[in-house]
């Protein structure tokens, strides 16, 4: 590759700075849109810059342009058609594509090295081997997480006899192949390394239960970032190095923060099922008696409450009931009630899922309160209205050792004077275990689709 001109280095440096500013902007709801735009513009500029590098002598330009066009079309289609409830699946899929692309680029670079006699610094070869292996792990693992979230396969842990042995043997094979590749670059070693990496990715995610999948997505995202950074080193591309490092570091921190929010270690999340600790429940629908109410009954409880706390969950997102919920909160506010939304760190299927969903409904950001801020208020709440949430208010996290969510900090909805629990059915939540809060004497269940039930509840409150 010819020496990179100074002006291109400056352009890449500016794009790298924009990536950092974009990440900073995404840290807050008021600046997220601008941060996203800044990052997108920087990415477009970075992709177009090589076309103006005359000394680079690009080959197969029509194929490159066609690939960019196909990728752009897919991105636009996904952004416009994927529902908010399916955003975690899209993140997993796009993340996997990034890891797979990094692995393929590394294989192409390996081919170039071999074609030039196999002479390359050992660290470059090590970075190439790392990119092939970890990129393949990220690709395969992300596809499995996508399948679990999209319910194309069971969300329960998939464990078979001998899985730890096969997984351990695959890891050893990755290390051996990587060492062989560094010592004697051969194309067959790179291809086999990628295939074994795919196997490791599948075996890594299969034993993970549905409730833990969002954390694995974050971890695989960090893997993809690291592969991109390593690829940037191999290609002598500072921009890839900066972007990959940002993704790798932020993904790692996010993984640790999410694990802490669930009161779990990353090791337990990944390998707990192999020891029988991180398994889902049976998922059976309970036949125990519960107290159900009509929208009119629930409206009376809400209409005469001075303090109401809303607990939104994935069911709210599925039903697209956030706009009706916001209108209900407005009506309760007009009647003199103080209403807040209690946001659990892992409510929904990914961090910030509920924040984005409610922001879409123009809910004032000041009403969104994180778990640590609002948990102490539940004991003073007249009513806790749980809308489509389940695992994040399940007392089993505090009372049932051995449960897949045991130790996870939860919202203390059970401390409210009355609980209205809106559910479609008695089916367990994503963790697959029964929720004892449903059988609490203070709990009243309002069955039905969240949007339909919320509309009836809103009309009933207005009629008071």
Protein backbone atom coordinates (compact mmCIF):
# COMPACT_ATOMS: atom_id res chain seq x y z
CA UNK A 1 0.00 0.00 0.00
CA UNK A 2 1.41 3.47 -0.92
CA UNK A 3 2.18 5.97 1.79
CA UNK A 4 -0.93 7.73 3.03
CA UNK A 5 -0.98 11.45 2.03
CA UNK A 6 -1.13 14.02 4.81
CA UNK A 7 -4.54 15.31 3.73
CA UNK A 8 -6.08 11.84 4.01
CA UNK A 9 -4.52 11.39 7.45
CA UNK A 10 -6.10 14.70 8.48
CA UNK A 11 -9.50 13.66 7.09
CA UNK A 12 -9.32 10.34 8.96
CA UNK A 13 -8.28 12.17 12.11
CA UNK A 14 -11.29 14.49 11.79
CA UNK A 15 -13.57 11.49 11.26
CA UNK A 16 -12.09 9.82 14.35
CA UNK A 17 -12.78 12.95 16.40
CA UNK A 18 -16.35 12.95 15.04
CA UNK A 19 -16.77 9.32 16.17
CA UNK A 20 -15.71 10.31 19.68
CA UNK A 21 -18.10 13.28 19.66
CA UNK A 22 -20.88 11.04 18.35
CA UNK A 23 -20.37 8.58 21.19
CA UNK A 24 -20.44 11.47 23.65
CA UNK A 25 -23.64 12.78 22.09
CA UNK A 26 -25.31 9.37 22.38
CA UNK A 27 -24.83 9.49 26.15
CA UNK A 28 -27.84 11.79 26.61
CA UNK A 29 -31.34 11.94 25.08
CA UNK A 30 -31.13 15.64 24.23
CA UNK A 31 -27.92 15.22 22.22
CA UNK A 32 -28.42 11.69 20.89
CA UNK A 33 -29.93 12.72 17.54
CA UNK A 34 -27.12 15.15 16.76
CA UNK A 35 -24.55 12.63 17.93
CA UNK A 36 -26.00 10.03 15.59
CA UNK A 37 -25.91 12.46 12.66
CA UNK A 38 -22.30 13.44 13.36
CA UNK A 39 -21.25 9.78 13.48
CA UNK A 40 -23.15 8.95 10.28
CA UNK A 41 -21.58 11.85 8.37
CA UNK A 42 -18.11 10.84 9.56
CA UNK A 43 -18.73 7.25 8.40
CA UNK A 44 -19.86 8.43 4.95
CA UNK A 45 -16.80 10.68 4.59
CA UNK A 46 -14.51 7.84 5.69
CA UNK A 47 -16.00 5.49 3.08
CA UNK A 48 -15.74 8.03 0.25
CA UNK A 49 -12.19 9.24 1.02
CA UNK A 50 -10.33 6.26 -0.59
CA UNK A 51 -11.97 7.06 -3.93
CA UNK A 52 -10.09 10.39 -3.96
CA UNK A 53 -6.72 8.84 -3.06
CA UNK A 54 -5.23 8.75 -6.55
CA UNK A 55 -2.10 6.79 -5.59
CA UNK A 56 -4.16 3.96 -4.11
CA UNK A 57 -5.13 2.55 -7.55
CA UNK A 58 -8.36 0.90 -6.44
CA UNK A 59 -9.33 -2.25 -8.31
CA UNK A 60 -12.84 -3.65 -8.93
CA UNK A 61 -14.46 -0.26 -8.35
CA UNK A 62 -17.84 -1.34 -9.82
CA UNK A 63 -17.99 -4.22 -7.33
CA UNK A 64 -17.05 -1.90 -4.45
CA UNK A 65 -19.73 0.63 -5.46
CA UNK A 66 -22.29 -2.16 -5.85
CA UNK A 67 -21.45 -3.50 -2.38
CA UNK A 68 -21.81 -0.02 -0.87
CA UNK A 69 -25.15 0.43 -2.65
CA UNK A 70 -26.48 -2.91 -1.41
CA UNK A 71 -25.33 -2.20 2.14
CA UNK A 72 -26.82 1.30 2.09
CA UNK A 73 -30.13 -0.01 0.78
CA UNK A 74 -30.23 -2.67 3.48
CA UNK A 75 -29.44 -0.14 6.17
CA UNK A 76 -32.11 2.31 5.02
CA UNK A 77 -34.68 -0.48 4.72
CA UNK A 78 -33.87 -1.75 8.20
CA UNK A 79 -33.98 1.71 9.75
CA UNK A 80 -37.38 2.45 8.24
CA UNK A 81 -39.14 -0.89 8.68
CA UNK A 82 -37.77 -2.53 11.84
CA UNK A 83 -40.05 -1.94 14.82
CA UNK A 84 -38.69 -0.67 18.12
CA UNK A 85 -39.49 -4.07 19.62
CA UNK A 86 -37.17 -5.68 17.08
CA UNK A 87 -34.29 -3.24 17.57
CA UNK A 88 -32.21 -5.67 19.70
CA UNK A 89 -32.41 -8.29 16.95
CA UNK A 90 -31.27 -5.73 14.39
CA UNK A 91 -28.38 -4.65 16.62
CA UNK A 92 -27.32 -8.29 17.00
CA UNK A 93 -27.55 -8.91 13.26
CA UNK A 94 -25.65 -5.78 12.25
CA UNK A 95 -23.04 -6.46 14.89
CA UNK A 96 -22.54 -9.96 13.56
CA UNK A 97 -22.15 -8.65 10.02
CA UNK A 98 -19.42 -6.30 11.27
CA UNK A 99 -17.51 -9.13 12.91
CA UNK A 100 -17.87 -11.33 9.85
CA UNK A 101 -16.68 -8.52 7.56
CA UNK A 102 -13.60 -7.96 9.73
CA UNK A 103 -12.78 -11.68 9.57
CA UNK A 104 -13.13 -11.74 5.77
CA UNK A 105 -10.90 -8.68 5.38
CA UNK A 106 -8.28 -10.35 7.57
CA UNK A 107 -8.43 -13.48 5.38
CA UNK A 108 -7.90 -11.34 2.29
CA UNK A 109 -4.92 -9.66 3.92
CA UNK A 110 -3.54 -13.09 4.80
CA UNK A 111 -3.88 -14.06 1.13
CA UNK A 112 -1.90 -10.94 0.15
CA UNK A 113 0.83 -11.78 2.66
CA UNK A 114 1.13 -15.34 1.32
CA UNK A 115 1.17 -14.07 -2.26
CA UNK A 116 4.09 -11.83 -1.35
CA UNK A 117 6.14 -14.68 0.05
CA UNK A 118 4.69 -14.80 3.56
CA UNK A 119 7.01 -12.13 4.86
CA UNK A 120 5.25 -10.00 7.47
CA UNK A 121 5.98 -8.86 11.04
CA UNK A 122 4.87 -11.44 13.57
CA UNK A 123 2.65 -8.92 15.37
CA UNK A 124 0.78 -8.19 12.13
CA UNK A 125 0.21 -11.90 11.68
CA UNK A 126 -0.94 -12.21 15.30
CA UNK A 127 -3.41 -9.34 14.74
CA UNK A 128 -4.62 -11.07 11.58
CA UNK A 129 -5.17 -14.36 13.41
CA UNK A 130 -6.96 -12.52 16.22
CA UNK A 131 -9.25 -10.76 13.75
CA UNK A 132 -10.14 -13.97 11.92
CA UNK A 133 -10.85 -15.90 15.13
CA UNK A 134 -12.71 -13.27 17.16
CA UNK A 135 -14.54 -11.87 14.13
CA UNK A 136 -15.85 -15.37 13.37
CA UNK A 137 -16.89 -15.84 17.01
CA UNK A 138 -18.74 -12.52 16.93
CA UNK A 139 -20.49 -13.36 13.65
CA UNK A 140 -21.70 -16.82 14.66
CA UNK A 141 -22.61 -15.80 18.21
CA UNK A 142 -24.57 -12.77 16.97
CA UNK A 143 -26.55 -14.94 14.55
CA UNK A 144 -27.55 -17.22 17.44
CA UNK A 145 -28.57 -14.25 19.61
CA UNK A 146 -30.63 -12.95 16.68
CA UNK A 147 -32.35 -16.31 16.35
CA UNK A 148 -33.10 -16.44 20.08
CA UNK A 149 -34.55 -12.91 20.19
CA UNK A 150 -36.51 -13.40 16.97
CA UNK A 151 -37.82 -16.69 18.42
CA UNK A 152 -36.51 -18.63 15.44
CA UNK A 153 -35.15 -21.02 18.06
CA UNK A 154 -35.80 -21.59 21.73
CA UNK A 155 -34.69 -18.82 24.06
CA UNK A 156 -33.91 -21.39 26.75
CA UNK A 157 -30.31 -22.55 27.31
CA UNK A 158 -29.30 -25.28 24.88
CA UNK A 159 -26.94 -27.67 26.63
CA UNK A 160 -25.90 -31.16 25.55
CA UNK A 161 -23.71 -33.81 27.12
CA UNK A 162 -20.07 -33.09 26.49
CA UNK A 163 -20.59 -29.43 25.56
CA UNK A 164 -17.85 -28.17 27.96
CA UNK A 165 -15.39 -30.65 26.44
CA UNK A 166 -16.25 -29.67 22.87
CA UNK A 167 -16.10 -25.97 23.76
CA UNK A 168 -12.75 -26.36 25.50
CA UNK A 169 -11.34 -28.37 22.60
CA UNK A 170 -12.50 -25.69 20.15
CA UNK A 171 -10.76 -22.98 22.19
CA UNK A 172 -7.53 -25.00 22.24
CA UNK A 173 -7.83 -25.50 18.47
CA UNK A 174 -8.19 -21.73 17.99
CA UNK A 175 -4.98 -21.09 19.93
CA UNK A 176 -3.05 -23.82 18.10
CA UNK A 177 -4.20 -22.64 14.67
CA UNK A 178 -3.38 -19.03 15.53
CA UNK A 179 0.15 -20.01 16.58
CA UNK A 180 0.60 -22.03 13.37
CA UNK A 181 -0.62 -19.08 11.34
CA UNK A 182 1.85 -16.70 12.95
CA UNK A 183 4.79 -19.11 12.57
CA UNK A 184 4.00 -20.24 9.03
CA UNK A 185 1.30 -18.24 7.19
CA UNK A 186 -0.89 -20.66 5.23
CA UNK A 187 -4.30 -20.00 3.74
CA UNK A 188 -5.69 -23.32 4.93
CA UNK A 189 -4.82 -22.38 8.54
CA UNK A 190 -6.69 -19.09 8.23
CA UNK A 191 -9.79 -20.74 6.75
CA UNK A 192 -9.85 -23.51 9.37
CA UNK A 193 -9.28 -20.92 12.09
CA UNK A 194 -12.33 -19.01 10.88
CA UNK A 195 -14.45 -22.17 10.80
CA UNK A 196 -13.41 -23.17 14.32
CA UNK A 197 -14.16 -19.58 15.40
CA UNK A 198 -17.69 -19.99 14.04
CA UNK A 199 -18.07 -23.14 16.14
CA UNK A 200 -16.84 -21.34 19.26
CA UNK A 201 -19.33 -18.53 18.65
CA UNK A 202 -22.24 -20.97 18.42
CA UNK A 203 -21.18 -22.95 21.49
CA UNK A 204 -20.61 -19.73 23.45
CA UNK A 205 -24.18 -18.46 23.00
CA UNK A 206 -26.25 -21.66 22.91
CA UNK A 207 -26.09 -22.20 26.72
CA UNK A 208 -27.17 -18.60 27.44
CA UNK A 209 -30.78 -18.15 28.59
CA UNK A 210 -33.09 -15.60 26.99
CA UNK A 211 -32.97 -13.17 29.90
CA UNK A 212 -29.18 -12.93 29.53
CA UNK A 213 -29.06 -12.54 25.75
CA UNK A 214 -28.93 -8.68 25.80
CA UNK A 215 -25.71 -8.84 27.82
CA UNK A 216 -24.21 -11.30 25.35
CA UNK A 217 -25.11 -8.94 22.49
CA UNK A 218 -23.16 -6.21 24.25
CA UNK A 219 -20.20 -8.54 24.78
CA UNK A 220 -20.18 -9.64 21.14
CA UNK A 221 -20.37 -5.98 20.15
CA UNK A 222 -17.17 -5.43 22.12
CA UNK A 223 -15.63 -8.41 20.30
CA UNK A 224 -16.51 -6.85 16.94
CA UNK A 225 -14.96 -3.55 18.01
CA UNK A 226 -11.73 -5.30 18.98
CA UNK A 227 -11.57 -7.13 15.65
CA UNK A 228 -12.08 -3.86 13.76
CA UNK A 229 -9.32 -2.25 15.82
CA UNK A 230 -6.97 -5.17 15.10
CA UNK A 231 -7.91 -4.98 11.43
CA UNK A 232 -7.09 -1.28 11.49
CA UNK A 233 -3.62 -2.15 12.76
CA UNK A 234 -3.12 -4.73 10.02
CA UNK A 235 -4.30 -2.28 7.34
CA UNK A 236 -2.40 0.66 8.88
CA UNK A 237 -5.72 2.50 9.05
CA UNK A 238 -5.87 4.85 12.04
CA UNK A 239 -9.59 5.49 11.61
CA UNK A 240 -10.46 1.79 11.93
CA UNK A 241 -8.17 1.61 14.94
CA UNK A 242 -9.96 4.55 16.61
CA UNK A 243 -13.48 3.37 15.73
CA UNK A 244 -12.82 -0.22 16.75
CA UNK A 245 -11.26 0.82 20.04
CA UNK A 246 -14.27 3.03 20.83
CA UNK A 247 -16.69 0.20 20.12
CA UNK A 248 -14.60 -2.35 21.99
CA UNK A 249 -14.17 -0.17 25.08
CA UNK A 250 -17.78 1.05 25.22
CA UNK A 251 -19.10 -2.48 24.61
CA UNK A 252 -16.94 -3.84 27.42
CA UNK A 253 -18.09 -1.18 29.88
CA UNK A 254 -21.72 -1.68 28.87
CA UNK A 255 -21.41 -5.43 29.37
CA UNK A 256 -20.00 -4.98 32.86
CA UNK A 257 -22.63 -2.37 33.78
CA UNK A 258 -25.48 -4.57 32.56
CA UNK A 259 -24.11 -7.58 34.42
CA UNK A 260 -23.86 -5.47 37.57
CA UNK A 261 -27.45 -4.28 37.06
CA UNK A 262 -28.53 -7.92 36.99
CA UNK A 263 -26.41 -8.78 40.01
CA UNK A 264 -24.46 -11.33 37.99
CA UNK A 265 -20.94 -11.86 36.76
CA UNK A 266 -20.19 -12.15 33.05
CA UNK A 267 -18.68 -15.58 33.70
CA UNK A 268 -21.89 -16.76 35.36
CA UNK A 269 -23.98 -15.41 32.49
CA UNK A 270 -21.88 -17.15 29.84
CA UNK A 271 -21.13 -20.42 31.58
CA UNK A 272 -23.68 -20.69 34.39
CA UNK A 273 -25.90 -23.08 32.45
CA UNK A 274 -23.01 -25.54 32.17
CA UNK A 275 -23.02 -25.75 35.97
CA UNK A 276 -26.81 -25.73 36.21
CA UNK A 277 -26.89 -22.22 37.69
CA UNK A 278 -28.13 -20.06 34.84
CA UNK A 279 -31.07 -22.01 33.53
CA UNK A 280 -34.50 -20.84 32.62
CA UNK A 281 -37.60 -22.09 34.32
CA UNK A 282 -40.00 -24.50 32.79
CA UNK A 283 -42.06 -21.77 31.18
CA UNK A 284 -45.36 -23.45 32.10
CA UNK A 285 -48.46 -21.28 32.44
CA UNK A 286 -49.57 -21.21 36.07
CA UNK A 287 -53.04 -22.38 37.12
CA UNK A 288 -52.87 -20.74 40.58
CA UNK A 289 -55.76 -18.38 41.33
CA UNK A 290 -55.21 -14.64 40.85
CA UNK A 291 -57.33 -11.52 41.38
CA UNK A 292 -58.39 -9.99 38.05
CA UNK A 293 -60.10 -6.64 37.56
CA UNK A 294 -61.91 -4.74 34.83
CA UNK A 295 -60.62 -1.49 33.33
CA UNK A 296 -63.26 0.32 35.35
CA UNK A 297 -62.03 -1.19 38.62
CA UNK A 298 -58.44 -0.29 37.77
CA UNK A 299 -59.53 3.23 36.80
CA UNK A 300 -61.00 3.79 40.26
CA UNK A 301 -57.72 2.78 41.91
CA UNK A 302 -55.75 5.11 39.64
CA UNK A 303 -58.25 7.95 39.62
CA UNK A 304 -58.14 8.42 43.39
CA UNK A 305 -54.39 7.85 43.82
CA UNK A 306 -52.09 10.69 44.80
CA UNK A 307 -48.88 8.88 43.90
CA UNK A 308 -48.57 6.52 40.92
CA UNK A 309 -45.47 4.80 39.57
CA UNK A 310 -45.51 3.27 36.09
CA UNK A 311 -43.27 0.25 35.39
CA UNK A 312 -42.99 -0.19 31.59
CA UNK A 313 -41.69 -3.36 30.01
CA UNK A 314 -41.29 -5.24 26.76
CA UNK A 315 -45.02 -5.96 26.53
CA UNK A 316 -45.64 -2.21 26.27
CA UNK A 317 -43.26 -2.07 23.31
CA UNK A 318 -44.86 -5.07 21.59
CA UNK A 319 -48.35 -3.56 21.88
CA UNK A 320 -47.12 -0.08 20.85
CA UNK A 321 -49.16 1.33 23.73
CA UNK A 322 -46.70 4.04 24.77
CA UNK A 323 -48.73 6.90 23.29
CA UNK A 324 -51.90 5.83 25.10
CA UNK A 325 -49.93 5.37 28.31
CA UNK A 326 -48.55 8.90 28.06
CA UNK A 327 -52.09 10.24 27.56
CA UNK A 328 -53.23 8.32 30.65
CA UNK A 329 -50.38 9.81 32.66
CA UNK A 330 -51.34 13.30 31.44
CA UNK A 331 -54.94 12.75 32.58
CA UNK A 332 -53.80 11.50 35.99
CA UNK A 333 -51.53 14.54 36.29
CA UNK A 334 -54.46 16.83 35.56
CA UNK A 335 -56.34 15.14 38.40
CA UNK A 336 -53.51 16.04 40.78
CA UNK A 337 -51.60 12.76 40.90
CA UNK A 338 -47.80 12.68 40.88
CA UNK A 339 -46.74 10.14 38.27
CA UNK A 340 -43.28 8.85 37.36
CA UNK A 341 -41.94 6.06 35.18
CA UNK A 342 -39.61 3.55 36.85
CA UNK A 343 -36.95 2.43 34.36
CA UNK A 344 -35.00 -0.75 35.04
CA UNK A 345 -31.52 -0.86 33.43
CA UNK A 346 -32.38 -3.99 31.45
CA UNK A 347 -36.11 -3.46 30.90
CA UNK A 348 -37.06 -4.55 27.41
CA UNK A 349 -34.43 -6.35 25.39
CA UNK A 350 -31.54 -3.87 25.52
CA UNK A 351 -30.29 -0.94 27.61
CA UNK A 352 -32.24 2.26 26.96
CA UNK A 353 -35.06 0.37 25.22
CA UNK A 354 -37.77 1.89 27.43
CA UNK A 355 -36.20 5.36 27.35
CA UNK A 356 -36.29 5.45 23.56
CA UNK A 357 -39.78 3.97 23.41
CA UNK A 358 -41.20 6.57 25.80
CA UNK A 359 -39.26 9.39 24.18
CA UNK A 360 -41.02 8.39 20.95
CA UNK A 361 -44.31 9.14 22.75
CA UNK A 362 -43.02 12.60 23.84
CA UNK A 363 -42.84 11.60 27.51
CA UNK A 364 -40.95 14.33 29.42
CA UNK A 365 -37.49 13.03 30.23
CA UNK A 366 -37.83 14.34 33.79
CA UNK A 367 -40.54 11.72 34.42
CA UNK A 368 -38.19 8.85 33.54
CA UNK A 369 -36.45 7.79 36.73
CA UNK A 370 -33.81 5.11 36.98
CA UNK A 371 -34.13 2.20 39.40
CA UNK A 372 -31.70 3.55 42.00
CA UNK A 373 -33.53 6.89 42.04
CA UNK A 374 -37.07 5.60 42.40
CA UNK A 375 -36.88 2.31 44.28
CA UNK A 376 -37.25 4.06 47.62
CA UNK A 377 -40.49 5.76 46.47
CA UNK A 378 -42.52 2.59 45.91
CA UNK A 379 -43.40 2.29 49.59
CA UNK A 380 -45.10 5.69 49.37
CA UNK A 381 -46.92 4.93 46.11
CA UNK A 382 -50.67 4.40 46.20
CA UNK A 383 -50.55 2.39 42.97
CA UNK A 384 -47.78 0.74 40.96
CA UNK A 385 -48.97 0.17 37.39
CA UNK A 386 -46.91 -2.58 35.73
CA UNK A 387 -47.35 -2.51 31.95
CA UNK A 388 -45.89 -5.46 30.12
CA UNK A 389 -42.95 -5.91 32.50
CA UNK A 390 -42.33 -9.14 34.35
CA UNK A 391 -38.81 -10.23 35.31
CA UNK A 392 -37.74 -6.74 36.46
CA UNK A 393 -40.40 -6.79 39.23
CA UNK A 394 -40.21 -10.48 40.08
CA UNK A 395 -39.56 -10.96 43.83
CA UNK A 396 -37.83 -14.27 43.00
CA UNK A 397 -34.75 -12.15 42.37
CA UNK A 398 -34.65 -11.53 46.13
CA UNK A 399 -36.28 -14.62 47.58
CA UNK A 400 -35.50 -17.67 45.43
CA UNK A 401 -31.88 -18.86 45.36
CA UNK A 402 -31.22 -20.85 42.21
CA UNK A 403 -33.68 -18.85 40.11
CA UNK A 404 -32.08 -17.55 36.86
CA UNK A 405 -32.65 -13.97 38.00
CA UNK A 406 -31.66 -14.47 41.65
CA UNK A 407 -29.48 -11.59 42.79
CA UNK A 408 -30.66 -9.26 40.04
CA UNK A 409 -31.68 -5.86 41.45
CA UNK A 410 -35.38 -5.34 40.73
CA UNK A 411 -37.90 -2.54 40.94
CA UNK A 412 -39.66 -2.72 44.31
CA UNK A 413 -43.18 -2.69 42.87
CA UNK A 414 -44.23 -5.16 45.55
CA UNK A 415 -43.82 -2.40 48.17
CA UNK A 416 -46.60 -0.22 46.71
CA UNK A 417 -49.96 -0.13 48.49
CA UNK A 418 -51.71 -1.54 45.41
CA UNK A 419 -50.35 -3.10 42.22
CA UNK A 420 -52.15 -3.16 38.88
CA UNK A 421 -50.45 -5.71 36.65
CA UNK A 422 -51.33 -5.50 32.96
CA UNK A 423 -50.62 -8.80 31.19
CA UNK A 424 -51.79 -10.53 28.07
CA UNK A 425 -51.82 -13.91 29.82
CA UNK A 426 -50.27 -15.82 32.70
CA UNK A 427 -47.35 -16.85 30.51
CA UNK A 428 -43.98 -16.32 32.28
CA UNK A 429 -41.62 -13.54 31.28
CA UNK A 430 -38.48 -13.92 29.17
CA UNK A 431 -36.63 -15.63 32.03
CA UNK A 432 -39.26 -18.38 31.89
CA UNK A 433 -40.15 -18.45 35.60
CA UNK A 434 -43.29 -17.74 37.58
CA UNK A 435 -43.71 -14.28 39.07
CA UNK A 436 -44.86 -14.37 42.68
CA UNK A 437 -45.96 -10.74 42.45
CA UNK A 438 -48.93 -11.89 40.38
CA UNK A 439 -50.26 -13.79 43.40
CA UNK A 440 -49.67 -11.05 45.95
CA UNK A 441 -52.88 -10.06 47.74
CA UNK A 442 -52.24 -6.43 46.76
CA UNK A 443 -51.99 -7.28 43.06
CA UNK A 444 -54.89 -6.93 40.62
CA UNK A 445 -54.42 -8.29 37.10
CA UNK A 446 -55.86 -6.53 34.06
CA UNK A 447 -55.70 -9.07 31.25
CA UNK A 448 -55.60 -8.26 27.56
CA UNK A 449 -53.51 -6.64 24.88
CA UNK A 450 -51.70 -3.70 26.47
CA UNK A 451 -52.86 -1.18 23.87
CA UNK A 452 -56.50 -2.27 24.01
CA UNK A 453 -56.52 -2.47 27.82
CA UNK A 454 -54.75 0.87 28.11
CA UNK A 455 -57.34 2.53 25.85
CA UNK A 456 -60.19 1.14 27.96
CA UNK A 457 -58.40 2.18 31.13
CA UNK A 458 -57.87 5.70 29.77
CA UNK A 459 -61.55 6.06 28.85
CA UNK A 460 -62.59 4.75 32.26
CA UNK A 461 -60.35 7.26 34.06
CA UNK A 462 -61.73 10.11 31.93
CA UNK A 463 -65.26 9.02 32.85
CA UNK A 464 -64.67 9.28 36.60
